Amino acid sequence: MLALFRRYWQVIRQPSRHFSLGALVIVGFVGGVLFWGGFNTAMEFTNTEAFCTGCHEMRDNVFAELKSTIHYTNRSGVRAKCSDCHVPHDWTDKMARKMQASKEVWGKIFRTIDTPEKFRVKRLELAQHEWARLKANDSLECRNCHDYDYMDFTRQSVRAQNMHSTYLARREKTCIDCHKGIAHRLPLIPPGDAPTDTPGQVVPKPEQQAGHTSQTR
C-alpha cells in the first residue's frame, strides 16, 4: 500500500516524466471544463426558487408575502424570483453577493429567525441591511429587469413621473429609496425612526403595517 502511494506521489510531483505534454494539456482542459461547468451549475442551483425557499424561515415568511405582490403574479405573467431581486446578474457582483449570503448559513445553524416571533424581532435589522446594500450598489438587482432608459413616463402615475424624472434622472436617489416594501411587508418601524430618504413613498405608521405590503407600485 505504501509503495503504491509513493508511486502515485511521484506521478503527481512530476507528471511530465510519465505523460506526454499533449496528454497533460488535454486532461487539464477537460478537467477545467468539468470543474467550471460543475461550479456554475451549483451556483445557478443556488439561484433557483426551490433552493431559496428550501428552509421554512424563507418559505413561511418573506416568500409567503411575495405571493401577494405584483412581482409574483400579474397580467403579463412576468415573475421575479428571489434571485432576481437579491442577486446581481453580473458574474463578479454575483460571486461577491454569494460570499455575503454565506452569513445566512450561520443564521440557519444558530436558529436566529427560526420562529415567526424571532423573525419579527429581527425584521427591521434585516431590512435595514438589505436597504443599505441596495443603496450602496445603486439598486443593481432592480436594474436586472428595470432600465431607466426604456421607461415610458406616459404610462406612469403623475407621482412616479415626477420622482423618476427628477431624483432618479439626476441620480440623487436610487430605486430602493422609494420602493422599500415593494415585495415584502415593511418592518415595524418605531416612531421617529422612519427612513428619511424615501421622497416617493409614505412609510406607514406602526398600526398600519400589520397587513401592509407597499404604497408604491
Protein backbone atom coordinates (compact mmCIF):
# COMPACT_ATOMS: atom_id res chain seq x y z
CA MET A 1 0.00 0.00 0.00
CA LEU A 2 2.83 2.38 0.90
CA ALA A 3 4.65 1.55 -2.33
CA LEU A 4 1.51 2.30 -4.35
CA PHE A 5 1.11 5.62 -2.57
CA ARG A 6 4.74 6.54 -3.31
CA ARG A 7 4.28 5.65 -6.97
CA TYR A 8 1.25 7.89 -7.33
CA TRP A 9 3.02 10.66 -5.43
CA GLN A 10 5.88 10.56 -7.93
CA VAL A 11 3.40 10.83 -10.80
CA ILE A 12 1.70 13.81 -9.18
CA ARG A 13 5.01 15.55 -8.42
CA GLN A 14 6.46 15.12 -11.89
CA PRO A 15 3.64 14.30 -14.33
CA SER A 16 5.71 15.31 -17.36
CA ARG A 17 8.05 12.36 -16.74
CA HIS A 18 5.20 9.91 -17.10
CA PHE A 19 2.82 11.53 -19.62
CA SER A 20 3.30 13.50 -22.82
CA LEU A 21 2.70 17.24 -22.88
CA GLY A 22 -0.24 16.79 -25.25
CA ALA A 23 -1.93 14.34 -22.90
CA LEU A 24 -1.44 16.68 -19.95
CA VAL A 25 -2.93 19.60 -21.91
CA ILE A 26 -5.96 17.55 -22.93
CA VAL A 27 -6.53 16.23 -19.41
CA GLY A 28 -6.09 19.73 -17.98
CA PHE A 29 -8.55 21.21 -20.50
CA VAL A 30 -11.20 18.54 -19.92
CA GLY A 31 -10.73 18.79 -16.16
CA GLY A 32 -11.08 22.58 -16.31
CA VAL A 33 -14.27 22.36 -18.37
CA LEU A 34 -15.78 19.81 -15.98
CA PHE A 35 -14.83 21.87 -12.93
CA TRP A 36 -16.11 25.14 -14.39
CA GLY A 37 -19.31 23.53 -15.60
CA GLY A 38 -19.93 21.90 -12.23
CA PHE A 39 -19.15 25.09 -10.36
CA ASN A 40 -21.52 27.21 -12.45
CA THR A 41 -24.24 24.56 -12.28
CA ALA A 42 -24.01 24.61 -8.50
CA MET A 43 -24.10 28.43 -8.46
CA GLU A 44 -27.16 28.51 -10.70
CA PHE A 45 -28.90 25.96 -8.48
CA THR A 46 -28.47 28.31 -5.53
CA ASN A 47 -30.37 30.93 -7.57
CA THR A 48 -33.45 28.77 -8.02
CA GLU A 49 -36.65 29.48 -6.16
CA ALA A 50 -36.69 25.93 -4.83
CA PHE A 51 -33.30 26.46 -3.18
CA CYS A 52 -34.17 29.91 -1.79
CA THR A 53 -37.40 28.64 -0.24
CA GLY A 54 -35.93 25.34 0.94
CA CYS A 55 -35.89 26.49 4.56
CA HIS A 56 -39.11 27.34 6.37
CA GLU A 57 -37.67 30.67 7.55
CA MET A 58 -37.93 31.99 3.99
CA ARG A 59 -40.83 29.88 2.76
CA ASP A 60 -43.20 30.76 5.59
CA ASN A 61 -42.27 34.43 5.97
CA VAL A 62 -40.96 36.57 3.13
CA PHE A 63 -41.86 34.17 0.30
CA ALA A 64 -45.44 33.95 1.54
CA GLU A 65 -45.59 37.75 1.41
CA LEU A 66 -44.14 37.90 -2.10
CA LYS A 67 -47.03 35.80 -3.43
CA SER A 68 -49.46 38.66 -2.79
CA THR A 69 -47.47 41.24 -4.79
CA ILE A 70 -47.29 42.24 -8.44
CA HIS A 71 -43.75 40.87 -8.65
CA TYR A 72 -45.15 37.34 -8.20
CA THR A 73 -48.30 37.37 -10.32
CA ASN A 74 -49.55 39.97 -12.80
CA ARG A 75 -51.38 40.39 -16.08
CA SER A 76 -48.27 39.87 -18.23
CA GLY A 77 -47.07 36.72 -16.46
CA VAL A 78 -43.55 38.10 -15.93
CA ARG A 79 -42.48 36.97 -12.46
CA ALA A 80 -39.43 37.83 -10.40
CA LYS A 81 -37.73 35.03 -8.47
CA CYS A 82 -35.87 35.60 -5.21
CA SER A 83 -32.52 35.75 -7.01
CA ASP A 84 -33.77 38.37 -9.48
CA CYS A 85 -34.11 40.86 -6.63
CA HIS A 86 -31.32 39.69 -4.33
CA VAL A 87 -28.53 38.50 -6.66
CA PRO A 88 -26.85 40.62 -9.38
CA HIS A 89 -26.58 39.04 -12.82
CA ASP A 90 -23.00 40.18 -13.50
CA TRP A 91 -20.63 37.32 -12.59
CA THR A 92 -18.23 39.32 -10.40
CA ASP A 93 -21.00 41.01 -8.43
CA LYS A 94 -22.84 37.69 -8.20
CA MET A 95 -19.85 35.98 -6.59
CA ALA A 96 -19.46 38.84 -4.11
CA ARG A 97 -23.14 38.54 -3.23
CA LYS A 98 -22.84 34.79 -2.72
CA MET A 99 -20.00 35.33 -0.29
CA GLN A 100 -22.10 37.84 1.64
CA ALA A 101 -25.02 35.44 1.69
CA SER A 102 -22.90 32.80 3.45
CA LYS A 103 -23.86 34.61 6.66
CA GLU A 104 -27.34 33.17 6.20
CA VAL A 105 -25.91 29.70 6.78
CA TRP A 106 -24.65 30.94 10.15
CA GLY A 107 -28.13 32.23 10.96
CA LYS A 108 -29.67 28.91 9.97
CA ILE A 109 -27.29 26.91 12.16
CA PHE A 110 -27.91 29.08 15.21
CA ARG A 111 -31.65 29.47 14.53
CA THR A 112 -31.74 33.25 14.74
CA ILE A 113 -35.08 33.54 12.89
CA ASP A 114 -36.48 30.01 13.03
CA THR A 115 -39.82 31.11 14.50
CA PRO A 116 -42.25 33.86 13.38
CA GLU A 117 -41.64 35.64 16.68
CA LYS A 118 -37.85 35.68 16.21
CA PHE A 119 -38.30 36.80 12.61
CA ARG A 120 -40.45 39.77 13.62
CA VAL A 121 -37.88 40.85 16.20
CA LYS A 122 -35.04 40.74 13.64
CA ARG A 123 -37.05 42.01 10.69
CA LEU A 124 -36.14 45.70 10.91
CA GLU A 125 -32.44 44.90 11.27
CA LEU A 126 -32.52 42.50 8.30
CA ALA A 127 -34.43 45.01 6.19
CA GLN A 128 -32.01 47.81 7.03
CA HIS A 129 -29.08 45.63 5.96
CA GLU A 130 -30.75 44.95 2.61
CA TRP A 131 -31.74 48.59 2.10
CA ALA A 132 -28.17 49.70 2.79
CA ARG A 133 -26.76 47.07 0.40
CA LEU A 134 -29.07 48.11 -2.44
CA LYS A 135 -28.39 51.77 -1.72
CA ALA A 136 -24.64 51.15 -1.95
CA ASN A 137 -24.80 49.28 -5.27
CA ASP A 138 -27.30 51.71 -6.87
CA SER A 139 -30.11 49.14 -6.77
CA LEU A 140 -28.18 46.83 -9.07
CA GLU A 141 -30.61 43.94 -8.66
CA CYS A 142 -33.59 46.16 -9.53
CA ARG A 143 -31.80 47.02 -12.75
CA ASN A 144 -31.71 43.33 -13.65
CA CYS A 145 -35.19 43.99 -15.06
CA HIS A 146 -35.88 47.74 -14.83
CA ASP A 147 -33.98 50.10 -17.14
CA TYR A 148 -34.45 53.86 -16.79
CA ASP A 149 -33.66 54.46 -20.48
CA TYR A 150 -36.69 52.40 -21.51
CA MET A 151 -39.24 53.78 -19.05
CA ASP A 152 -42.42 55.10 -20.68
CA PHE A 153 -43.32 58.04 -18.46
CA THR A 154 -46.69 58.46 -20.20
CA ARG A 155 -47.82 55.16 -18.68
CA GLN A 156 -46.75 56.09 -15.16
CA SER A 157 -48.68 57.91 -12.47
CA VAL A 158 -48.01 61.63 -12.06
CA ARG A 159 -46.12 60.97 -8.82
CA ALA A 160 -43.94 58.29 -10.45
CA GLN A 161 -43.19 60.58 -13.38
CA ASN A 162 -42.12 63.35 -11.02
CA MET A 163 -39.88 61.06 -8.95
CA HIS A 164 -38.27 59.31 -11.92
CA SER A 165 -37.68 62.49 -13.97
CA THR A 166 -36.04 64.32 -11.08
CA TYR A 167 -34.46 62.25 -8.30
CA LEU A 168 -33.71 59.18 -10.43
CA ALA A 169 -32.69 61.10 -13.55
CA ARG A 170 -30.21 63.20 -11.58
CA ARG A 171 -29.02 60.07 -9.72
CA GLU A 172 -29.78 61.75 -6.41
CA LYS A 173 -31.80 58.72 -5.37
CA THR A 174 -31.87 55.07 -6.36
CA CYS A 175 -34.74 52.58 -6.70
CA ILE A 176 -34.66 51.32 -3.10
CA ASP A 177 -35.03 54.85 -1.73
CA CYS A 178 -38.65 55.00 -2.89
CA HIS A 179 -39.53 51.32 -3.12
CA LYS A 180 -38.89 49.88 0.33
CA GLY A 181 -41.52 47.22 0.96
CA ILE A 182 -42.27 46.71 -2.73
CA ALA A 183 -42.17 42.91 -2.50
CA HIS A 184 -42.36 42.29 1.25
CA ARG A 185 -44.10 43.94 4.17
CA LEU A 186 -42.31 46.85 5.70
CA PRO A 187 -40.93 46.04 9.14
CA LEU A 188 -42.39 47.61 12.25
CA ILE A 189 -40.61 50.97 12.40
CA PRO A 190 -40.53 52.76 15.77
CA PRO A 191 -41.88 56.34 15.76
CA GLY A 192 -39.16 58.77 14.70
CA ASP A 193 -37.06 56.07 13.04
CA ALA A 194 -38.81 56.09 9.65
CA PRO A 195 -36.41 56.33 6.69
CA THR A 196 -35.80 59.90 5.55
CA ASP A 197 -34.58 59.00 2.06
CA THR A 198 -37.97 58.00 0.63
CA PRO A 199 -39.27 61.04 -1.29
CA GLY A 200 -41.77 58.99 -3.29
CA GLN A 201 -43.01 56.72 -0.52
CA VAL A 202 -45.00 57.30 2.62
CA VAL A 203 -43.83 54.87 5.30
CA PRO A 204 -46.95 53.67 7.16
CA LYS A 205 -47.44 54.15 10.85
CA PRO A 206 -46.91 51.08 13.08
CA GLU A 207 -50.65 50.45 13.44
CA GLN A 208 -51.00 50.44 9.64
CA GLN A 209 -48.20 47.98 8.96
CA ALA A 210 -49.80 44.73 10.07
CA GLY A 211 -51.26 43.89 6.67
CA HIS A 212 -49.22 46.34 4.61
CA THR A 213 -47.00 45.39 1.70
CA SER A 214 -46.32 48.63 -0.12
CA GLN A 215 -47.66 52.02 -1.03
CA THR A 216 -45.67 52.15 -4.25
CA ARG A 217 -46.36 50.27 -7.41
